[in-house]
Amino acid sequence: MNIDKLFADQKYLGQELDFFITKKHIKKIQENKELVNSHLKKARHNLEFYKLNKEHHKFNDWLIVTLYYAYTIVLWHSLQIEIIPPKITMPQF
């Protein structure tokens, strides 16, 4: 997968999305303004946390996670997709 091409080539982005939809890793969702607003509120909250804590280098890992989730939430809704979590089977002891 060519990440730069995903942003530059709409057709390529569509092909990649179709691939992951076919593999049942993601699914298309209907637009839901209430859900979008809720997720945008959460993304803004995450960005506020980042701004307040970006000078505390001891917590860089949490800052990266915060930015990742803020970006991912917005990306999901702009593409109208939902990530399907993998099925995890717990081992029997």
C-alpha atoms as a PDB file:
ATOM      1  CA  MET A   1       0.000   0.000   0.000  1.00  0.00           C
ATOM      2  CA  ASN A   2       1.346   3.395  -1.001  1.00  0.00           C
ATOM      3  CA  ILE A   3       0.357   5.866   1.750  1.00  0.00           C
ATOM      4  CA  ASP A   4       1.261   8.989  -0.260  1.00  0.00           C
ATOM      5  CA  LYS A   5      -0.803   7.740  -3.185  1.00  0.00           C
ATOM      6  CA  LEU A   6      -3.838   7.233  -0.903  1.00  0.00           C
ATOM      7  CA  PHE A   7      -3.942  10.992  -0.345  1.00  0.00           C
ATOM      8  CA  ALA A   8      -3.175  11.965  -3.932  1.00  0.00           C
ATOM      9  CA  ASP A   9      -5.213   9.453  -5.967  1.00  0.00           C
ATOM     10  CA  GLN A  10      -8.945   9.137  -5.220  1.00  0.00           C
ATOM     11  CA  LYS A  11      -9.306   6.057  -7.465  1.00  0.00           C
ATOM     12  CA  TYR A  12      -6.476   4.253  -5.656  1.00  0.00           C
ATOM     13  CA  LEU A  13      -8.046   5.134  -2.303  1.00  0.00           C
ATOM     14  CA  GLY A  14     -11.334   3.644  -3.483  1.00  0.00           C
ATOM     15  CA  GLN A  15      -9.620   0.437  -4.621  1.00  0.00           C
ATOM     16  CA  GLU A  16      -7.872   0.045  -1.276  1.00  0.00           C
ATOM     17  CA  LEU A  17     -11.097   0.686   0.645  1.00  0.00           C
ATOM     18  CA  ASP A  18     -12.917  -1.885  -1.513  1.00  0.00           C
ATOM     19  CA  PHE A  19     -10.161  -4.433  -0.793  1.00  0.00           C
ATOM     20  CA  PHE A  20     -10.564  -4.043   2.979  1.00  0.00           C
ATOM     21  CA  ILE A  21     -14.371  -4.053   2.718  1.00  0.00           C
ATOM     22  CA  THR A  22     -14.185  -7.326   0.747  1.00  0.00           C
ATOM     23  CA  LYS A  23     -11.892  -8.816   3.414  1.00  0.00           C
ATOM     24  CA  LYS A  24     -14.409  -7.638   6.064  1.00  0.00           C
ATOM     25  CA  HIS A  25     -11.800  -5.531   7.892  1.00  0.00           C
ATOM     26  CA  ILE A  26     -13.873  -2.389   7.458  1.00  0.00           C
ATOM     27  CA  LYS A  27     -17.464  -1.671   6.511  1.00  0.00           C
ATOM     28  CA  LYS A  28     -19.245   1.317   5.031  1.00  0.00           C
ATOM     29  CA  ILE A  29     -21.577   3.107   7.422  1.00  0.00           C
ATOM     30  CA  GLN A  30     -24.483   5.462   6.899  1.00  0.00           C
ATOM     31  CA  GLU A  31     -23.909   9.093   7.751  1.00  0.00           C
ATOM     32  CA  ASN A  32     -25.033   9.716  11.320  1.00  0.00           C
ATOM     33  CA  LYS A  33     -24.732  13.373  12.310  1.00  0.00           C
ATOM     34  CA  GLU A  34     -25.255  12.650  16.002  1.00  0.00           C
ATOM     35  CA  LEU A  35     -22.447  10.079  15.998  1.00  0.00           C
ATOM     36  CA  VAL A  36     -20.196  12.377  13.963  1.00  0.00           C
ATOM     37  CA  ASN A  37     -20.751  15.225  16.428  1.00  0.00           C
ATOM     38  CA  SER A  38     -20.052  12.918  19.364  1.00  0.00           C
ATOM     39  CA  HIS A  39     -16.820  11.661  17.805  1.00  0.00           C
ATOM     40  CA  LEU A  40     -15.699  15.160  16.836  1.00  0.00           C
ATOM     41  CA  LYS A  41     -16.259  16.239  20.434  1.00  0.00           C
ATOM     42  CA  LYS A  42     -14.051  13.339  21.563  1.00  0.00           C
ATOM     43  CA  ALA A  43     -11.397  14.220  18.963  1.00  0.00           C
ATOM     44  CA  ARG A  44     -11.360  17.850  20.178  1.00  0.00           C
ATOM     45  CA  HIS A  45     -11.048  16.607  23.751  1.00  0.00           C
ATOM     46  CA  ASN A  46      -8.049  14.474  22.729  1.00  0.00           C
ATOM     47  CA  LEU A  47      -6.433  17.443  20.988  1.00  0.00           C
ATOM     48  CA  GLU A  48      -6.966  19.590  24.072  1.00  0.00           C
ATOM     49  CA  PHE A  49      -5.214  16.924  26.167  1.00  0.00           C
ATOM     50  CA  TYR A  50      -2.320  16.959  23.685  1.00  0.00           C
ATOM     51  CA  LYS A  51      -1.992  20.753  23.790  1.00  0.00           C
ATOM     52  CA  LEU A  52      -1.971  20.782  27.594  1.00  0.00           C
ATOM     53  CA  ASN A  53       0.636  18.021  27.858  1.00  0.00           C
ATOM     54  CA  LYS A  54       2.876  18.322  24.786  1.00  0.00           C
ATOM     55  CA  GLU A  55       5.738  19.794  26.843  1.00  0.00           C
ATOM     56  CA  HIS A  56       5.829  16.787  29.197  1.00  0.00           C
ATOM     57  CA  HIS A  57       8.163  14.486  27.281  1.00  0.00           C
ATOM     58  CA  LYS A  58       7.839  11.778  29.891  1.00  0.00           C
ATOM     59  CA  PHE A  59       4.429  10.961  28.375  1.00  0.00           C
ATOM     60  CA  ASN A  60       5.289  11.051  24.662  1.00  0.00           C
ATOM     61  CA  ASP A  61       3.761   7.608  24.143  1.00  0.00           C
ATOM     62  CA  TRP A  62       0.384   8.829  25.418  1.00  0.00           C
ATOM     63  CA  LEU A  63       0.620  11.969  23.317  1.00  0.00           C
ATOM     64  CA  ILE A  64       1.188   9.882  20.189  1.00  0.00           C
ATOM     65  CA  VAL A  65      -1.769   7.639  21.047  1.00  0.00           C
ATOM     66  CA  THR A  66      -3.936  10.713  21.696  1.00  0.00           C
ATOM     67  CA  LEU A  67      -3.101  12.230  18.305  1.00  0.00           C
ATOM     68  CA  TYR A  68      -3.588   8.881  16.565  1.00  0.00           C
ATOM     69  CA  TYR A  69      -7.092   8.452  17.958  1.00  0.00           C
ATOM     70  CA  ALA A  70      -8.069  12.071  17.312  1.00  0.00           C
ATOM     71  CA  TYR A  71      -6.994  11.713  13.664  1.00  0.00           C
ATOM     72  CA  THR A  72      -8.506   8.244  13.242  1.00  0.00           C
ATOM     73  CA  ILE A  73     -11.920   9.328  14.524  1.00  0.00           C
ATOM     74  CA  VAL A  74     -12.086  12.157  11.991  1.00  0.00           C
ATOM     75  CA  LEU A  75     -10.755   9.946   9.185  1.00  0.00           C
ATOM     76  CA  TRP A  76     -13.362   7.228   9.788  1.00  0.00           C
ATOM     77  CA  HIS A  77     -16.183   9.681   9.430  1.00  0.00           C
ATOM     78  CA  SER A  78     -14.745  11.487   6.430  1.00  0.00           C
ATOM     79  CA  LEU A  79     -14.534   8.107   4.637  1.00  0.00           C
ATOM     80  CA  GLN A  80     -17.769   6.831   6.253  1.00  0.00           C
ATOM     81  CA  ILE A  81     -16.160   3.578   7.388  1.00  0.00           C
ATOM     82  CA  GLU A  82     -16.052   1.563  10.570  1.00  0.00           C
ATOM     83  CA  ILE A  83     -13.146  -0.652  11.547  1.00  0.00           C
ATOM     84  CA  ILE A  84     -14.197  -4.207  12.322  1.00  0.00           C
ATOM     85  CA  PRO A  85     -12.124  -5.472  15.253  1.00  0.00           C
ATOM     86  CA  PRO A  86     -10.542  -8.904  14.845  1.00  0.00           C
ATOM     87  CA  LYS A  87     -12.108 -11.825  16.645  1.00  0.00           C
ATOM     88  CA  ILE A  88      -9.858 -12.853  19.492  1.00  0.00           C
ATOM     89  CA  THR A  89     -10.142 -16.250  21.070  1.00  0.00           C
ATOM     90  CA  MET A  90      -8.888 -16.533  24.602  1.00  0.00           C
ATOM     91  CA  PRO A  91      -6.780 -19.636  25.236  1.00  0.00           C
ATOM     92  CA  GLN A  92      -8.163 -22.232  27.607  1.00  0.00           C
ATOM     93  CA  PHE A  93      -5.997 -22.869  30.646  1.00  0.00           C
END
